Amino acid sequence: MNQPLYMPIPAIIEQITDETPDIKTFRIRPEEPMPFKAGQFVELALPGIGEAPFTPSSSPKISDHMEITIMRTGRVTDRLHMMGEGEELGVRGPMGRAYPIDDFHGREILIVGGGCGVGPLRSLLLALVDDLDLYSRVIVRYGAKTPDSIVFRDAQMHGWGQRGALDVMLTVDQKAPGWDGHVGVITEILTEDYLDCHADDGIAVMCGPPIMMKYGTDMLLQRGYRPENIYLSMERNMSCGIGQCGHCRLGRYYICKDGPVFSYDEIRNNPRLWDD
């Protein structure tokens, strides 16, 4: 794509899927293909309203359309949730640093997600599942507040756990009728009782609310994961997407330009690391 990163191109909303009461997945088709890598993000622009950054939740091997999973949290997302199929918006990107998937080959991969954080991780999962033989094992641990707030609960994630080298476990904070899975915070299913892993040389990838990533990272370090092998998707306070506005600055880094994917080793000494 030759379009400058600061110029959005038209895109059509092809399909909208209700994931939870406040989360929807939008399948959009840009006017021209927009290849991206898992972990990168795009900016969605609504004329007269504004724009906001979002990480695709679809497979990076598909470039003619993309899926973006969006929680309703503010002005732009409120308007997006009011839009319908066939409506037009603008999209620019992709931007930011992706997951270093080539470095994951031959290794055990642990993916930890919380709430809407499973959206960006789904893109990574789809990339890994397509080439599952390249990894010794892929493990997924995902947590949500209630069964009704589990994202992609009707999608393929629930069937992935039956596939050989793929190990999937979900947990919810609050039990509800019909739920027969684990009940408790996500750090509980990162303990030895629920996670048999090779932490010394394994890769861990995490995305979710800051408080979840803080305690999740602490648990992974206790289990023996190396700081340089823990990857965090630090999707917060991004605005312009090109490192100019300064809203997402984290020490010497701009999350939008230098991230949003960082190793914990890169950013662990920043006192504002877990600020919401």
Protein backbone atom coordinates (compact mmCIF):
# COMPACT_ATOMS: atom_id res chain seq x y z
CA MET A 1 0.00 0.00 0.00
CA ASN A 2 1.42 3.38 -1.01
CA GLN A 3 -0.96 5.47 1.10
CA PRO A 4 0.86 7.63 3.71
CA LEU A 5 0.24 6.45 7.27
CA TYR A 6 -1.44 9.74 8.18
CA MET A 7 -4.03 9.47 5.37
CA PRO A 8 -6.99 7.12 5.99
CA ILE A 9 -8.43 5.15 3.10
CA PRO A 10 -12.15 4.32 2.77
CA ALA A 11 -13.39 1.01 4.13
CA ILE A 12 -16.80 -0.66 4.31
CA ILE A 13 -18.21 -2.47 7.34
CA GLU A 14 -19.10 -5.88 5.93
CA GLN A 15 -20.25 -7.68 9.07
CA ILE A 16 -20.85 -6.97 12.76
CA THR A 17 -20.84 -9.70 15.41
CA ASP A 18 -22.08 -9.08 18.95
CA GLU A 19 -19.53 -10.74 21.26
CA THR A 20 -20.80 -9.44 24.62
CA PRO A 21 -23.25 -6.68 25.63
CA ASP A 22 -20.49 -4.05 25.19
CA ILE A 23 -18.07 -5.70 22.73
CA LYS A 24 -18.54 -6.14 18.99
CA THR A 25 -16.35 -7.51 16.22
CA PHE A 26 -16.39 -5.49 12.99
CA ARG A 27 -15.26 -7.04 9.73
CA ILE A 28 -14.13 -4.22 7.47
CA ARG A 29 -12.94 -4.24 3.88
CA PRO A 30 -10.54 -1.41 2.95
CA GLU A 31 -10.64 0.03 -0.55
CA GLU A 32 -7.29 -1.69 -1.16
CA PRO A 33 -5.55 -4.57 0.63
CA MET A 34 -3.94 -3.69 3.96
CA PRO A 35 -1.43 -6.37 5.02
CA PHE A 36 -0.56 -6.38 8.72
CA LYS A 37 1.35 -8.50 11.21
CA ALA A 38 -0.08 -9.89 14.45
CA GLY A 39 0.31 -7.25 17.15
CA GLN A 40 0.26 -4.22 14.86
CA PHE A 41 -2.64 -1.77 15.01
CA VAL A 42 -4.67 0.48 12.72
CA GLU A 43 -6.50 3.76 13.25
CA LEU A 44 -10.22 3.85 12.49
CA ALA A 45 -11.48 7.30 11.47
CA LEU A 46 -15.06 8.56 11.69
CA PRO A 47 -15.47 11.94 9.95
CA GLY A 48 -16.82 14.56 12.33
CA ILE A 49 -16.29 12.29 15.33
CA GLY A 50 -12.60 11.42 15.53
CA GLU A 51 -10.33 8.40 15.26
CA ALA A 52 -8.96 5.76 17.61
CA PRO A 53 -6.40 2.93 17.47
CA PHE A 54 -7.40 -0.73 17.40
CA THR A 55 -5.50 -3.98 16.91
CA PRO A 56 -6.98 -6.41 14.37
CA SER A 57 -8.27 -9.70 15.79
CA SER A 58 -8.27 -11.59 12.47
CA SER A 59 -5.60 -13.65 10.78
CA PRO A 60 -2.64 -11.62 9.47
CA LYS A 61 -2.56 -13.96 6.47
CA ILE A 62 -5.70 -12.24 5.14
CA SER A 63 -5.14 -8.75 3.74
CA ASP A 64 -8.28 -7.90 1.74
CA HIS A 65 -10.35 -7.55 4.92
CA MET A 66 -9.76 -7.51 8.67
CA GLU A 67 -11.72 -8.04 11.85
CA ILE A 68 -11.43 -5.63 14.77
CA THR A 69 -12.94 -6.38 18.17
CA ILE A 70 -14.03 -3.20 19.94
CA MET A 71 -15.28 -2.49 23.46
CA ARG A 72 -17.64 0.43 23.91
CA THR A 73 -15.67 2.87 26.07
CA GLY A 74 -15.94 6.42 24.71
CA ARG A 75 -16.95 8.82 21.94
CA VAL A 76 -15.46 7.00 18.94
CA THR A 77 -16.35 3.52 20.16
CA ASP A 78 -19.89 4.65 21.06
CA ARG A 79 -20.40 5.82 17.49
CA LEU A 80 -18.87 2.66 16.07
CA HIS A 81 -21.30 0.55 18.10
CA MET A 82 -24.17 2.54 16.56
CA MET A 83 -23.03 1.90 12.98
CA GLY A 84 -24.43 -0.80 10.77
CA GLU A 85 -23.25 -3.13 8.03
CA GLY A 86 -22.62 -1.34 4.76
CA GLU A 87 -21.56 1.94 6.37
CA GLU A 88 -18.23 3.54 5.54
CA LEU A 89 -15.33 4.62 7.73
CA GLY A 90 -11.64 5.41 7.25
CA VAL A 91 -8.68 3.23 8.16
CA ARG A 92 -4.97 3.97 8.20
CA GLY A 93 -2.05 1.74 8.97
CA PRO A 94 -0.80 -0.73 9.84
CA MET A 95 1.44 0.77 12.49
CA GLY A 96 3.60 -0.31 15.39
CA ARG A 97 5.77 -3.28 16.24
CA ALA A 98 4.40 -6.80 15.84
CA TYR A 99 5.04 -10.01 17.77
CA PRO A 100 8.40 -11.51 16.69
CA ILE A 101 6.76 -14.76 15.55
CA ASP A 102 9.81 -15.99 13.67
CA ASP A 103 11.68 -16.06 16.98
CA PHE A 104 8.98 -18.33 18.46
CA HIS A 105 9.67 -21.25 16.11
CA GLY A 106 10.44 -24.51 17.88
CA ARG A 107 9.47 -23.15 21.30
CA GLU A 108 6.59 -23.50 23.72
CA ILE A 109 4.25 -20.47 23.53
CA LEU A 110 2.00 -19.42 26.44
CA ILE A 111 -0.70 -16.88 25.57
CA VAL A 112 -2.45 -15.12 28.48
CA GLY A 113 -5.44 -12.88 27.84
CA GLY A 114 -7.99 -11.03 29.93
CA GLY A 115 -11.28 -9.41 28.90
CA CYS A 116 -11.14 -7.64 25.54
CA GLY A 117 -7.38 -8.27 25.49
CA VAL A 118 -8.09 -11.55 23.77
CA GLY A 119 -8.84 -9.57 20.58
CA PRO A 120 -5.22 -8.80 19.65
CA LEU A 121 -4.18 -12.24 20.92
CA ARG A 122 -6.68 -13.91 18.61
CA SER A 123 -4.75 -12.57 15.62
CA LEU A 124 -1.58 -14.14 17.03
CA LEU A 125 -3.42 -17.38 17.78
CA LEU A 126 -4.73 -17.63 14.24
CA ALA A 127 -1.21 -17.14 12.89
CA LEU A 128 0.17 -19.82 15.22
CA VAL A 129 -2.63 -22.32 14.60
CA ASP A 130 -2.10 -22.11 10.85
CA ASP A 131 1.46 -23.39 11.37
CA LEU A 132 1.09 -25.34 14.60
CA ASP A 133 3.84 -27.80 13.66
CA LEU A 134 6.40 -24.98 13.89
CA TYR A 135 6.00 -24.78 17.68
CA SER A 136 6.60 -27.39 20.34
CA ARG A 137 3.34 -26.43 22.08
CA VAL A 138 0.87 -23.55 22.25
CA ILE A 139 -0.94 -22.88 25.54
CA VAL A 140 -3.86 -20.46 26.02
CA ARG A 141 -5.05 -19.16 29.38
CA TYR A 142 -7.94 -16.67 29.22
CA GLY A 143 -9.96 -14.98 31.93
CA ALA A 144 -13.19 -12.95 31.98
CA LYS A 145 -15.43 -11.50 34.67
CA THR A 146 -18.44 -13.69 33.88
CA PRO A 147 -19.33 -16.36 31.30
CA ASP A 148 -21.38 -13.73 29.43
CA SER A 149 -18.31 -11.50 29.08
CA ILE A 150 -16.16 -14.16 27.39
CA VAL A 151 -15.20 -12.84 23.96
CA PHE A 152 -15.39 -15.25 20.98
CA ARG A 153 -17.30 -17.76 23.12
CA ASP A 154 -19.11 -19.04 20.02
CA ALA A 155 -15.99 -19.05 17.82
CA GLN A 156 -13.32 -21.62 17.17
CA MET A 157 -11.35 -20.96 20.35
CA HIS A 158 -13.41 -23.55 22.20
CA GLY A 159 -12.57 -26.22 19.65
CA TRP A 160 -8.88 -25.42 19.51
CA GLY A 161 -8.25 -27.20 22.81
CA GLN A 162 -8.89 -30.52 21.10
CA ARG A 163 -5.99 -30.07 18.68
CA GLY A 164 -2.86 -31.97 19.77
CA ALA A 165 -0.24 -29.38 20.65
CA LEU A 166 -2.82 -26.72 21.63
CA ASP A 167 -3.86 -26.46 25.29
CA VAL A 168 -6.75 -24.07 26.12
CA MET A 169 -8.22 -23.22 29.53
CA LEU A 170 -10.71 -20.50 30.48
CA THR A 171 -11.69 -19.04 33.85
CA VAL A 172 -14.30 -16.55 35.08
CA ASP A 173 -14.27 -14.38 38.20
CA GLN A 174 -17.94 -15.05 38.98
CA LYS A 175 -19.78 -18.31 38.53
CA ALA A 176 -23.09 -18.37 36.68
CA PRO A 177 -25.70 -21.02 35.88
CA GLY A 178 -24.49 -23.37 33.16
CA TRP A 179 -20.80 -22.63 33.67
CA ASP A 180 -18.81 -25.77 34.50
CA GLY A 181 -15.32 -24.35 33.97
CA HIS A 182 -12.86 -22.86 36.44
CA VAL A 183 -13.94 -20.00 38.70
CA GLY A 184 -11.26 -17.57 39.91
CA VAL A 185 -8.89 -14.87 38.74
CA ILE A 186 -6.58 -15.66 35.85
CA THR A 187 -3.43 -15.92 37.99
CA GLU A 188 -4.93 -19.05 39.56
CA ILE A 189 -4.73 -20.93 36.26
CA LEU A 190 -1.10 -19.88 35.81
CA THR A 191 -0.03 -21.90 38.86
CA GLU A 192 1.52 -25.37 38.73
CA ASP A 193 -1.88 -26.94 39.44
CA TYR A 194 -3.28 -25.71 36.10
CA LEU A 195 -0.25 -24.96 33.96
CA ASP A 196 2.43 -27.48 33.12
CA CYS A 197 4.99 -25.44 31.20
CA HIS A 198 8.68 -25.18 30.31
CA ALA A 199 9.23 -21.68 31.65
CA ASP A 200 13.02 -21.66 31.48
CA ASP A 201 13.07 -21.40 27.67
CA GLY A 202 9.40 -20.78 26.90
CA ILE A 203 7.78 -17.69 25.40
CA ALA A 204 4.87 -15.92 27.14
CA VAL A 205 2.60 -13.34 25.48
CA MET A 206 0.07 -11.29 27.45
CA CYS A 207 -2.64 -8.72 26.76
CA GLY A 208 -5.38 -7.39 29.01
CA PRO A 209 -6.15 -4.77 31.67
CA PRO A 210 -3.02 -3.31 33.38
CA ILE A 211 -3.86 -4.86 36.76
CA MET A 212 -4.18 -8.29 35.14
CA MET A 213 -0.89 -7.92 33.30
CA LYS A 214 0.89 -6.74 36.46
CA TYR A 215 -0.09 -9.75 38.55
CA GLY A 216 0.10 -12.07 35.56
CA THR A 217 3.67 -10.97 34.86
CA ASP A 218 4.60 -11.42 38.52
CA MET A 219 3.25 -14.97 38.37
CA LEU A 220 5.14 -15.79 35.18
CA LEU A 221 8.38 -14.53 36.71
CA GLN A 222 7.73 -16.71 39.76
CA ARG A 223 7.21 -19.68 37.44
CA GLY A 224 10.63 -19.05 35.91
CA TYR A 225 9.91 -17.18 32.67
CA ARG A 226 12.75 -14.88 31.66
CA PRO A 227 11.95 -11.14 31.39
CA GLU A 228 13.18 -11.04 27.79
CA ASN A 229 10.80 -13.90 26.89
CA ILE A 230 7.65 -12.24 28.27
CA TYR A 231 5.92 -10.08 25.63
CA LEU A 232 3.33 -7.50 26.66
CA SER A 233 0.88 -5.73 24.36
CA MET A 234 0.82 -2.27 25.97
CA GLU A 235 -2.25 -0.83 24.26
CA ARG A 236 -3.02 2.31 26.20
CA ASN A 237 -3.17 6.08 25.69
CA MET A 238 -2.36 5.80 21.97
CA SER A 239 -3.78 8.57 19.82
CA CYS A 240 -1.97 9.75 16.68
CA GLY A 241 -0.30 6.41 15.97
CA ILE A 242 2.97 7.88 14.69
CA GLY A 243 4.73 9.12 17.83
CA GLN A 244 3.93 12.82 17.43
CA CYS A 245 1.29 13.69 20.03
CA GLY A 246 3.13 12.24 23.03
CA HIS A 247 0.01 10.85 24.74
CA CYS A 248 1.37 7.31 24.88
CA ARG A 249 4.90 8.07 26.05
CA LEU A 250 6.30 5.48 28.45
CA GLY A 251 9.74 6.64 29.57
CA ARG A 252 11.92 6.82 26.47
CA TYR A 253 9.38 4.87 24.41
CA TYR A 254 6.29 5.88 22.45
CA ILE A 255 3.92 2.94 22.70
CA CYS A 256 2.42 3.56 19.26
CA LYS A 257 5.76 3.83 17.46
CA ASP A 258 8.12 1.65 19.50
CA GLY A 259 5.41 -0.85 20.52
CA PRO A 260 2.71 -1.69 21.23
CA VAL A 261 4.50 -5.05 21.68
CA PHE A 262 7.36 -4.88 24.19
CA SER A 263 9.36 -7.47 26.05
CA TYR A 264 9.03 -7.08 29.79
CA ASP A 265 12.80 -6.72 29.94
CA GLU A 266 12.60 -3.51 27.88
CA ILE A 267 10.13 -1.69 30.11
CA ARG A 268 10.24 -3.32 33.54
CA ASN A 269 12.10 -0.43 35.23
CA ASN A 270 9.50 2.20 34.30
CA PRO A 271 7.61 3.37 37.45
CA ARG A 272 4.48 4.06 35.35
CA LEU A 273 4.46 0.66 33.73
CA TRP A 274 1.14 -0.48 35.15
CA ASP A 275 -0.69 2.86 35.23
CA ASP A 276 -4.22 2.53 33.82
